[in-house]
Amino acid sequence: MALKHAFRFDVGRLVFWARQWTVLLLGGLVLAMKPVQAQAPGQPSPTDAGSGIPFQVVSDREAVLSSQMMARVELINIKLGDRVTKDQVLVVFDCKELEAKRAGAVAELVAASDTHQSKLRLQGLGAAGELEVALAASAVDRAGANVSQIDASMINCKLLAPFAGEISSVRVKQQEVVAPNQAVLDIVDTQNLKLHMYLPATLSRKVAVGTSIAARINGDDQVRTASVTRINPRIDGASQTLEVEAVFIKQFPGLKPGSLGNGQILVTEAKPQKKNKPPKLP
């Protein structure tokens, strides 16, 4: 009776292992029959370790423009999303007080200049000394410097675009009074975009200036190629990451700063070199 049970146990074990080996053999045959796509020589291929590296699209130029004096906002020539050109007037401040000060400073300059000319004529007649003429000339210089100082302040009566771009934020309203160094608006260049990413330290040797990166924006199936332009020479000790910047090889309409995505490092495989055949001996 014990022998009969042992025989049944051994037969059941053999059937179990036979099924397992059958599954393994069939799986191996399926993998062997699966066609393998050959990578053309010289074509970039993504690295397994570099797949799925998160990045953010940032602008090469962006700025927060601030007021340089306390003044009332007289006119705002732009709105959110407007495209502006370099040196375009964006905001005009009320500078009537500065204009009045400049008019007074110009009058003082004219009076000082007339006084200086009078002293020079009197000196020619022997009725004025050299010291009087020098003091009159100094008064002209002081009045001229005062006018120049007011002119420098009046440059800030208009807020100009430092570069061509788009308005991303308007922080003040018309007729408001702004303080010195108060943020007025934000401008961003949407034409010259780049990728900002942090690579694992293990990939530091696979990345160099000129390395290509295949970038895919979240929610967009289009693959855009960027080229590495900047690499931080130091790996962050805490996170063990390497800061890298890459510039898109061309402009892509609709791509906006702040977008997130994932990238792959593309490695170019070397073309196989042809072996030179030895010359035939005569």
C-alpha atoms as a PDB file:
ATOM      1  CA  MET A   1       0.000   0.000   0.000  1.00  0.00           C
ATOM      2  CA  ALA A   2       2.855   2.397   0.848  1.00  0.00           C
ATOM      3  CA  LEU A   3       4.576   1.497  -2.407  1.00  0.00           C
ATOM      4  CA  LYS A   4       1.423   2.367  -4.347  1.00  0.00           C
ATOM      5  CA  HIS A   5       1.192   5.801  -2.707  1.00  0.00           C
ATOM      6  CA  ALA A   6       4.898   6.488  -3.327  1.00  0.00           C
ATOM      7  CA  PHE A   7       4.480   5.564  -6.996  1.00  0.00           C
ATOM      8  CA  ARG A   8       1.543   7.971  -7.329  1.00  0.00           C
ATOM      9  CA  PHE A   9       3.602  10.742  -5.674  1.00  0.00           C
ATOM     10  CA  ASP A  10       6.555  10.230  -8.000  1.00  0.00           C
ATOM     11  CA  VAL A  11       4.347  10.213 -11.088  1.00  0.00           C
ATOM     12  CA  GLY A  12       2.670  13.470 -10.009  1.00  0.00           C
ATOM     13  CA  ARG A  13       6.055  15.129  -9.506  1.00  0.00           C
ATOM     14  CA  LEU A  14       7.240  14.018 -12.933  1.00  0.00           C
ATOM     15  CA  VAL A  15       4.114  15.430 -14.583  1.00  0.00           C
ATOM     16  CA  PHE A  16       4.598  18.759 -12.776  1.00  0.00           C
ATOM     17  CA  TRP A  17       8.228  19.144 -13.868  1.00  0.00           C
ATOM     18  CA  ALA A  18       7.378  18.044 -17.387  1.00  0.00           C
ATOM     19  CA  ARG A  19       4.849  20.888 -17.665  1.00  0.00           C
ATOM     20  CA  GLN A  20       7.357  23.427 -16.302  1.00  0.00           C
ATOM     21  CA  TRP A  21      10.033  22.461 -18.804  1.00  0.00           C
ATOM     22  CA  THR A  22       7.493  22.571 -21.632  1.00  0.00           C
ATOM     23  CA  VAL A  23       6.570  26.158 -20.753  1.00  0.00           C
ATOM     24  CA  LEU A  24      10.228  27.183 -20.590  1.00  0.00           C
ATOM     25  CA  LEU A  25      11.049  25.583 -23.930  1.00  0.00           C
ATOM     26  CA  LEU A  26       8.066  27.202 -25.651  1.00  0.00           C
ATOM     27  CA  GLY A  27       9.005  30.615 -24.222  1.00  0.00           C
ATOM     28  CA  GLY A  28      12.550  30.264 -25.484  1.00  0.00           C
ATOM     29  CA  LEU A  29      11.312  29.362 -28.962  1.00  0.00           C
ATOM     30  CA  VAL A  30       9.052  32.439 -29.049  1.00  0.00           C
ATOM     31  CA  LEU A  31      11.927  34.732 -28.066  1.00  0.00           C
ATOM     32  CA  ALA A  32      14.214  33.121 -30.603  1.00  0.00           C
ATOM     33  CA  MET A  33      11.649  33.563 -33.382  1.00  0.00           C
ATOM     34  CA  LYS A  34      11.005  37.262 -32.525  1.00  0.00           C
ATOM     35  CA  PRO A  35      12.654  39.459 -35.176  1.00  0.00           C
ATOM     36  CA  VAL A  36      15.396  41.764 -33.925  1.00  0.00           C
ATOM     37  CA  GLN A  37      15.582  45.221 -35.454  1.00  0.00           C
ATOM     38  CA  ALA A  38      19.122  45.988 -36.456  1.00  0.00           C
ATOM     39  CA  GLN A  39      20.533  49.409 -35.579  1.00  0.00           C
ATOM     40  CA  ALA A  40      22.036  51.118 -38.582  1.00  0.00           C
ATOM     41  CA  PRO A  41      25.713  52.026 -38.075  1.00  0.00           C
ATOM     42  CA  GLY A  42      26.285  55.652 -37.182  1.00  0.00           C
ATOM     43  CA  GLN A  43      22.695  56.180 -36.020  1.00  0.00           C
ATOM     44  CA  PRO A  44      22.031  57.345 -32.433  1.00  0.00           C
ATOM     45  CA  SER A  45      20.389  54.860 -30.118  1.00  0.00           C
ATOM     46  CA  PRO A  46      18.947  55.553 -26.645  1.00  0.00           C
ATOM     47  CA  THR A  47      20.834  54.234 -23.652  1.00  0.00           C
ATOM     48  CA  ASP A  48      18.925  51.958 -21.295  1.00  0.00           C
ATOM     49  CA  ALA A  49      20.303  53.777 -18.263  1.00  0.00           C
ATOM     50  CA  GLY A  50      19.396  57.179 -19.624  1.00  0.00           C
ATOM     51  CA  SER A  51      15.744  56.540 -20.398  1.00  0.00           C
ATOM     52  CA  GLY A  52      13.050  58.489 -18.603  1.00  0.00           C
ATOM     53  CA  ILE A  53      15.172  61.354 -17.286  1.00  0.00           C
ATOM     54  CA  PRO A  54      12.801  64.180 -16.229  1.00  0.00           C
ATOM     55  CA  PHE A  55      13.480  67.688 -17.519  1.00  0.00           C
ATOM     56  CA  GLN A  56      11.898  71.123 -17.644  1.00  0.00           C
ATOM     57  CA  VAL A  57      11.740  73.473 -20.616  1.00  0.00           C
ATOM     58  CA  VAL A  58      13.133  76.874 -19.655  1.00  0.00           C
ATOM     59  CA  SER A  59      13.771  80.074 -21.562  1.00  0.00           C
ATOM     60  CA  ASP A  60      17.258  81.264 -22.334  1.00  0.00           C
ATOM     61  CA  ARG A  61      16.193  84.808 -21.407  1.00  0.00           C
ATOM     62  CA  GLU A  62      13.535  85.945 -18.949  1.00  0.00           C
ATOM     63  CA  ALA A  63      13.345  88.901 -16.610  1.00  0.00           C
ATOM     64  CA  VAL A  64      11.222  90.641 -14.009  1.00  0.00           C
ATOM     65  CA  LEU A  65      11.148  94.354 -14.867  1.00  0.00           C
ATOM     66  CA  SER A  66      10.923  96.734 -11.909  1.00  0.00           C
ATOM     67  CA  SER A  67      10.376 100.446 -11.411  1.00  0.00           C
ATOM     68  CA  GLN A  68      13.402 102.565 -10.537  1.00  0.00           C
ATOM     69  CA  MET A  69      11.530 105.362  -8.770  1.00  0.00           C
ATOM     70  CA  MET A  70       8.311 106.209  -6.989  1.00  0.00           C
ATOM     71  CA  ALA A  71       5.804 107.349  -9.592  1.00  0.00           C
ATOM     72  CA  ARG A  72       2.247 106.894 -10.827  1.00  0.00           C
ATOM     73  CA  VAL A  73       1.611 104.457 -13.676  1.00  0.00           C
ATOM     74  CA  GLU A  74       0.304 106.701 -16.436  1.00  0.00           C
ATOM     75  CA  LEU A  75      -0.022 104.201 -19.284  1.00  0.00           C
ATOM     76  CA  ILE A  76       0.340 100.441 -19.812  1.00  0.00           C
ATOM     77  CA  ASN A  77       0.854  99.585 -23.481  1.00  0.00           C
ATOM     78  CA  ILE A  78       0.828  95.794 -23.152  1.00  0.00           C
ATOM     79  CA  LYS A  79      -1.341  92.957 -21.916  1.00  0.00           C
ATOM     80  CA  LEU A  80      -0.760  89.387 -20.844  1.00  0.00           C
ATOM     81  CA  GLY A  81       0.587  87.271 -23.719  1.00  0.00           C
ATOM     82  CA  ASP A  82       1.483  90.193 -26.000  1.00  0.00           C
ATOM     83  CA  ARG A  83       4.488  89.776 -28.256  1.00  0.00           C
ATOM     84  CA  VAL A  84       6.920  92.696 -27.926  1.00  0.00           C
ATOM     85  CA  THR A  85      10.098  93.777 -29.685  1.00  0.00           C
ATOM     86  CA  LYS A  86      13.374  94.970 -28.217  1.00  0.00           C
ATOM     87  CA  ASP A  87      13.261  98.553 -26.840  1.00  0.00           C
ATOM     88  CA  GLN A  88       9.470  98.731 -27.216  1.00  0.00           C
ATOM     89  CA  VAL A  89       7.794 101.061 -24.671  1.00  0.00           C
ATOM     90  CA  LEU A  90       5.844  98.865 -22.246  1.00  0.00           C
ATOM     91  CA  VAL A  91       4.886 101.175 -19.370  1.00  0.00           C
ATOM     92  CA  VAL A  92       4.922 104.986 -19.034  1.00  0.00           C
ATOM     93  CA  PHE A  93       5.204 106.646 -15.605  1.00  0.00           C
ATOM     94  CA  ASP A  94       4.076 110.138 -14.613  1.00  0.00           C
ATOM     95  CA  CYS A  95       7.220 112.291 -14.556  1.00  0.00           C
ATOM     96  CA  LYS A  96       5.763 115.811 -14.429  1.00  0.00           C
ATOM     97  CA  GLU A  97       7.672 116.541 -11.220  1.00  0.00           C
ATOM     98  CA  LEU A  98      10.964 115.537 -12.830  1.00  0.00           C
ATOM     99  CA  GLU A  99      10.152 117.640 -15.883  1.00  0.00           C
ATOM    100  CA  ALA A 100       9.615 120.672 -13.651  1.00  0.00           C
ATOM    101  CA  LYS A 101      12.908 120.008 -11.836  1.00  0.00           C
ATOM    102  CA  ARG A 102      14.704 119.746 -15.156  1.00  0.00           C
ATOM    103  CA  ALA A 103      13.271 123.059 -16.342  1.00  0.00           C
ATOM    104  CA  GLY A 104      14.553 124.714 -13.154  1.00  0.00           C
ATOM    105  CA  ALA A 105      17.958 123.070 -13.524  1.00  0.00           C
ATOM    106  CA  VAL A 106      18.241 124.240 -17.132  1.00  0.00           C
ATOM    107  CA  ALA A 107      17.408 127.808 -16.054  1.00  0.00           C
ATOM    108  CA  GLU A 108      20.163 127.656 -13.416  1.00  0.00           C
ATOM    109  CA  LEU A 109      22.576 126.379 -16.048  1.00  0.00           C
ATOM    110  CA  VAL A 110      21.745 129.265 -18.374  1.00  0.00           C
ATOM    111  CA  ALA A 111      22.162 131.800 -15.556  1.00  0.00           C
ATOM    112  CA  ALA A 112      25.487 130.286 -14.489  1.00  0.00           C
ATOM    113  CA  SER A 113      26.724 130.305 -18.060  1.00  0.00           C
ATOM    114  CA  ASP A 114      25.780 133.969 -18.505  1.00  0.00           C
ATOM    115  CA  THR A 115      27.524 134.854 -15.241  1.00  0.00           C
ATOM    116  CA  HIS A 116      30.650 133.041 -16.389  1.00  0.00           C
ATOM    117  CA  GLN A 117      30.667 134.877 -19.698  1.00  0.00           C
ATOM    118  CA  SER A 118      30.239 138.183 -17.884  1.00  0.00           C
ATOM    119  CA  LYS A 119      33.161 137.429 -15.566  1.00  0.00           C
ATOM    120  CA  LEU A 120      35.321 136.600 -18.559  1.00  0.00           C
ATOM    121  CA  ARG A 121      34.537 139.979 -20.160  1.00  0.00           C
ATOM    122  CA  LEU A 122      35.252 141.799 -16.905  1.00  0.00           C
ATOM    123  CA  GLN A 123      38.519 139.901 -16.568  1.00  0.00           C
ATOM    124  CA  GLY A 124      39.478 141.159 -20.007  1.00  0.00           C
ATOM    125  CA  LEU A 125      38.845 144.718 -18.809  1.00  0.00           C
ATOM    126  CA  GLY A 126      40.772 144.110 -15.622  1.00  0.00           C
ATOM    127  CA  ALA A 127      37.677 144.412 -13.439  1.00  0.00           C
ATOM    128  CA  ALA A 128      37.475 140.726 -12.337  1.00  0.00           C
ATOM    129  CA  GLY A 129      40.087 138.498 -10.859  1.00  0.00           C
ATOM    130  CA  GLU A 130      41.053 134.970 -11.806  1.00  0.00           C
ATOM    131  CA  LEU A 131      39.336 133.547  -8.721  1.00  0.00           C
ATOM    132  CA  GLU A 132      35.985 135.094  -9.668  1.00  0.00           C
ATOM    133  CA  VAL A 133      36.219 133.587 -13.149  1.00  0.00           C
ATOM    134  CA  ALA A 134      37.094 130.151 -11.737  1.00  0.00           C
ATOM    135  CA  LEU A 135      34.155 130.219  -9.322  1.00  0.00           C
ATOM    136  CA  ALA A 136      31.786 131.193 -12.136  1.00  0.00           C
ATOM    137  CA  ALA A 137      33.088 128.298 -14.271  1.00  0.00           C
ATOM    138  CA  SER A 138      32.584 125.918 -11.336  1.00  0.00           C
ATOM    139  CA  ALA A 139      28.977 127.080 -10.990  1.00  0.00           C
ATOM    140  CA  VAL A 140      28.406 126.239 -14.661  1.00  0.00           C
ATOM    141  CA  ASP A 141      29.777 122.728 -14.122  1.00  0.00           C
ATOM    142  CA  ARG A 142      27.547 122.165 -11.087  1.00  0.00           C
ATOM    143  CA  ALA A 143      24.434 123.319 -12.938  1.00  0.00           C
ATOM    144  CA  GLY A 144      25.296 121.102 -15.919  1.00  0.00           C
ATOM    145  CA  ALA A 145      25.804 118.084 -13.651  1.00  0.00           C
ATOM    146  CA  ASN A 146      22.410 118.716 -12.039  1.00  0.00           C
ATOM    147  CA  VAL A 147      20.737 118.700 -15.462  1.00  0.00           C
ATOM    148  CA  SER A 148      22.538 115.457 -16.403  1.00  0.00           C
ATOM    149  CA  GLN A 149      21.401 113.809 -13.143  1.00  0.00           C
ATOM    150  CA  ILE A 150      17.773 114.688 -13.815  1.00  0.00           C
ATOM    151  CA  ASP A 151      18.076 113.458 -17.409  1.00  0.00           C
ATOM    152  CA  ALA A 152      19.391 110.106 -16.102  1.00  0.00           C
ATOM    153  CA  SER A 153      16.376 109.833 -13.799  1.00  0.00           C
ATOM    154  CA  MET A 154      13.960 110.693 -16.592  1.00  0.00           C
ATOM    155  CA  ILE A 155      15.170 107.667 -18.587  1.00  0.00           C
ATOM    156  CA  ASN A 156      13.252 105.582 -16.040  1.00  0.00           C
ATOM    157  CA  CYS A 157       9.989 107.350 -16.904  1.00  0.00           C
ATOM    158  CA  LYS A 158       9.499 104.692 -19.601  1.00  0.00           C
ATOM    159  CA  LEU A 159       9.904 100.965 -19.112  1.00  0.00           C
ATOM    160  CA  LEU A 160      11.396  99.417 -22.259  1.00  0.00           C
ATOM    161  CA  ALA A 161      11.603  95.771 -23.325  1.00  0.00           C
ATOM    162  CA  PRO A 162      15.203  94.546 -22.842  1.00  0.00           C
ATOM    163  CA  PHE A 163      14.738  91.886 -25.544  1.00  0.00           C
ATOM    164  CA  ALA A 164      12.099  90.489 -27.878  1.00  0.00           C
ATOM    165  CA  GLY A 165       9.680  88.166 -26.109  1.00  0.00           C
ATOM    166  CA  GLU A 166       6.202  87.749 -24.641  1.00  0.00           C
ATOM    167  CA  ILE A 167       4.613  89.254 -21.554  1.00  0.00           C
ATOM    168  CA  SER A 168       4.043  86.501 -18.988  1.00  0.00           C
ATOM    169  CA  SER A 169       2.732  88.652 -16.128  1.00  0.00           C
ATOM    170  CA  VAL A 170       1.499  92.220 -15.538  1.00  0.00           C
ATOM    171  CA  ARG A 171       1.762  92.997 -11.828  1.00  0.00           C
ATOM    172  CA  VAL A 172       0.459  96.584 -11.670  1.00  0.00           C
ATOM    173  CA  LYS A 173      -2.550  98.509 -12.944  1.00  0.00           C
ATOM    174  CA  GLN A 174      -2.911 101.884 -14.534  1.00  0.00           C
ATOM    175  CA  GLN A 175      -3.008 104.879 -12.143  1.00  0.00           C
ATOM    176  CA  GLU A 176      -1.343 102.897  -9.356  1.00  0.00           C
ATOM    177  CA  VAL A 177       1.660 104.387  -7.559  1.00  0.00           C
ATOM    178  CA  VAL A 178       4.694 102.113  -7.578  1.00  0.00           C
ATOM    179  CA  ALA A 179       7.637 102.187  -5.219  1.00  0.00           C
ATOM    180  CA  PRO A 180      11.308 101.936  -6.196  1.00  0.00           C
ATOM    181  CA  ASN A 181      12.356  98.366  -7.112  1.00  0.00           C
ATOM    182  CA  GLN A 182       8.720  97.196  -7.228  1.00  0.00           C
ATOM    183  CA  ALA A 183       8.090  94.436  -9.787  1.00  0.00           C
ATOM    184  CA  VAL A 184       5.971  95.719 -12.681  1.00  0.00           C
ATOM    185  CA  LEU A 185       5.860  92.915 -15.261  1.00  0.00           C
ATOM    186  CA  ASP A 186       7.535  89.699 -16.424  1.00  0.00           C
ATOM    187  CA  ILE A 187       8.889  89.107 -19.916  1.00  0.00           C
ATOM    188  CA  VAL A 188      10.099  85.792 -21.343  1.00  0.00           C
ATOM    189  CA  ASP A 189      11.780  84.847 -24.605  1.00  0.00           C
ATOM    190  CA  THR A 190       9.733  81.984 -26.110  1.00  0.00           C
ATOM    191  CA  GLN A 191      11.936  81.513 -29.176  1.00  0.00           C
ATOM    192  CA  ASN A 192      15.225  80.413 -27.607  1.00  0.00           C
ATOM    193  CA  LEU A 193      14.302  77.492 -25.341  1.00  0.00           C
ATOM    194  CA  LYS A 194      16.436  74.887 -23.630  1.00  0.00           C
ATOM    195  CA  LEU A 195      16.149  71.809 -21.428  1.00  0.00           C
ATOM    196  CA  HIS A 196      17.196  71.816 -17.804  1.00  0.00           C
ATOM    197  CA  MET A 197      17.705  68.397 -16.261  1.00  0.00           C
ATOM    198  CA  TYR A 198      19.565  66.555 -13.518  1.00  0.00           C
ATOM    199  CA  LEU A 199      21.203  63.312 -14.645  1.00  0.00           C
ATOM    200  CA  PRO A 200      22.165  60.487 -12.302  1.00  0.00           C
ATOM    201  CA  ALA A 201      25.853  60.585 -11.502  1.00  0.00           C
ATOM    202  CA  THR A 202      26.274  57.171 -13.140  1.00  0.00           C
ATOM    203  CA  LEU A 203      25.632  58.801 -16.542  1.00  0.00           C
ATOM    204  CA  SER A 204      28.212  61.554 -16.138  1.00  0.00           C
ATOM    205  CA  ARG A 205      30.714  59.780 -18.407  1.00  0.00           C
ATOM    206  CA  LYS A 206      28.144  59.251 -21.146  1.00  0.00           C
ATOM    207  CA  VAL A 207      27.319  62.954 -21.508  1.00  0.00           C
ATOM    208  CA  ALA A 208      29.456  65.632 -23.127  1.00  0.00           C
ATOM    209  CA  VAL A 209      28.892  68.923 -24.886  1.00  0.00           C
ATOM    210  CA  GLY A 210      27.206  68.040 -28.168  1.00  0.00           C
ATOM    211  CA  THR A 211      25.509  64.864 -26.928  1.00  0.00           C
ATOM    212  CA  SER A 212      22.001  64.496 -28.379  1.00  0.00           C
ATOM    213  CA  ILE A 213      18.932  64.065 -26.191  1.00  0.00           C
ATOM    214  CA  ALA A 214      15.558  62.803 -27.412  1.00  0.00           C
ATOM    215  CA  ALA A 215      12.961  64.871 -25.539  1.00  0.00           C
ATOM    216  CA  ARG A 216       9.287  64.019 -25.183  1.00  0.00           C
ATOM    217  CA  ILE A 217       6.933  66.532 -23.552  1.00  0.00           C
ATOM    218  CA  ASN A 218       4.302  65.138 -21.176  1.00  0.00           C
ATOM    219  CA  GLY A 219       1.040  64.663 -23.042  1.00  0.00           C
ATOM    220  CA  ASP A 220       2.732  65.038 -26.443  1.00  0.00           C
ATOM    221  CA  ASP A 221       3.962  62.135 -28.567  1.00  0.00           C
ATOM    222  CA  GLN A 222       6.306  64.258 -30.658  1.00  0.00           C
ATOM    223  CA  VAL A 223      10.012  63.581 -30.085  1.00  0.00           C
ATOM    224  CA  ARG A 224      12.226  66.661 -30.226  1.00  0.00           C
ATOM    225  CA  THR A 225      16.008  66.539 -30.385  1.00  0.00           C
ATOM    226  CA  ALA A 226      18.199  68.772 -28.224  1.00  0.00           C
ATOM    227  CA  SER A 227      21.966  69.119 -27.993  1.00  0.00           C
ATOM    228  CA  VAL A 228      23.859  69.419 -24.701  1.00  0.00           C
ATOM    229  CA  THR A 229      25.481  72.856 -24.350  1.00  0.00           C
ATOM    230  CA  ARG A 230      26.248  73.230 -20.631  1.00  0.00           C
ATOM    231  CA  ILE A 231      27.400  70.705 -18.019  1.00  0.00           C
ATOM    232  CA  ASN A 232      27.989  71.476 -14.365  1.00  0.00           C
ATOM    233  CA  PRO A 233      31.602  70.493 -13.605  1.00  0.00           C
ATOM    234  CA  ARG A 234      30.593  69.253 -10.149  1.00  0.00           C
ATOM    235  CA  ILE A 235      28.276  66.406  -9.160  1.00  0.00           C
ATOM    236  CA  ASP A 236      25.945  67.269  -6.295  1.00  0.00           C
ATOM    237  CA  GLY A 237      27.175  65.287  -3.306  1.00  0.00           C
ATOM    238  CA  ALA A 238      23.796  64.978  -1.588  1.00  0.00           C
ATOM    239  CA  SER A 239      21.618  63.919  -4.524  1.00  0.00           C
ATOM    240  CA  GLN A 240      24.385  62.410  -6.689  1.00  0.00           C
ATOM    241  CA  THR A 241      23.037  64.211  -9.760  1.00  0.00           C
ATOM    242  CA  LEU A 242      24.667  66.230 -12.531  1.00  0.00           C
ATOM    243  CA  GLU A 243      23.103  69.471 -13.792  1.00  0.00           C
ATOM    244  CA  VAL A 244      22.870  69.619 -17.593  1.00  0.00           C
ATOM    245  CA  GLU A 245      21.441  72.117 -20.092  1.00  0.00           C
ATOM    246  CA  ALA A 246      20.571  71.317 -23.696  1.00  0.00           C
ATOM    247  CA  VAL A 247      19.326  73.539 -26.536  1.00  0.00           C
ATOM    248  CA  PHE A 248      16.769  72.406 -29.107  1.00  0.00           C
ATOM    249  CA  ILE A 249      18.323  71.984 -32.539  1.00  0.00           C
ATOM    250  CA  LYS A 250      15.444  73.954 -34.090  1.00  0.00           C
ATOM    251  CA  GLN A 251      12.393  75.943 -33.067  1.00  0.00           C
ATOM    252  CA  PHE A 252       9.198  74.015 -32.351  1.00  0.00           C
ATOM    253  CA  PRO A 253       5.940  75.995 -32.602  1.00  0.00           C
ATOM    254  CA  GLY A 254       3.724  75.663 -29.565  1.00  0.00           C
ATOM    255  CA  LEU A 255       6.521  74.695 -27.178  1.00  0.00           C
ATOM    256  CA  LYS A 256       6.340  76.821 -24.034  1.00  0.00           C
ATOM    257  CA  PRO A 257       8.674  77.431 -21.092  1.00  0.00           C
ATOM    258  CA  GLY A 258       7.765  75.530 -17.957  1.00  0.00           C
ATOM    259  CA  SER A 259       6.721  72.356 -19.790  1.00  0.00           C
ATOM    260  CA  LEU A 260       7.818  69.066 -18.235  1.00  0.00           C
ATOM    261  CA  GLY A 261       8.873  65.875 -19.957  1.00  0.00           C
ATOM    262  CA  ASN A 262      11.302  62.981 -20.073  1.00  0.00           C
ATOM    263  CA  GLY A 263      14.430  62.559 -22.148  1.00  0.00           C
ATOM    264  CA  GLN A 264      16.775  59.868 -23.388  1.00  0.00           C
ATOM    265  CA  ILE A 265      20.467  60.211 -24.015  1.00  0.00           C
ATOM    266  CA  LEU A 266      21.313  59.245 -27.574  1.00  0.00           C
ATOM    267  CA  VAL A 267      24.606  57.464 -28.146  1.00  0.00           C
ATOM    268  CA  THR A 268      26.000  57.377 -31.672  1.00  0.00           C
ATOM    269  CA  GLU A 269      27.377  53.999 -32.620  1.00  0.00           C
ATOM    270  CA  ALA A 270      30.625  54.045 -34.530  1.00  0.00           C
ATOM    271  CA  LYS A 271      30.563  52.870 -38.122  1.00  0.00           C
ATOM    272  CA  PRO A 272      32.411  49.598 -38.717  1.00  0.00           C
ATOM    273  CA  GLN A 273      35.727  50.223 -40.401  1.00  0.00           C
ATOM    274  CA  LYS A 274      36.509  48.371 -43.552  1.00  0.00           C
ATOM    275  CA  LYS A 275      39.529  46.155 -43.337  1.00  0.00           C
ATOM    276  CA  ASN A 276      42.138  46.819 -45.983  1.00  0.00           C
ATOM    277  CA  LYS A 277      42.861  43.743 -48.006  1.00  0.00           C
ATOM    278  CA  PRO A 278      46.551  42.844 -48.234  1.00  0.00           C
ATOM    279  CA  PRO A 279      48.027  43.471 -51.695  1.00  0.00           C
ATOM    280  CA  LYS A 280      48.319  40.473 -53.893  1.00  0.00           C
ATOM    281  CA  LEU A 281      51.840  39.260 -54.411  1.00  0.00           C
ATOM    282  CA  PRO A 282      52.897  38.848 -58.044  1.00  0.00           C
END
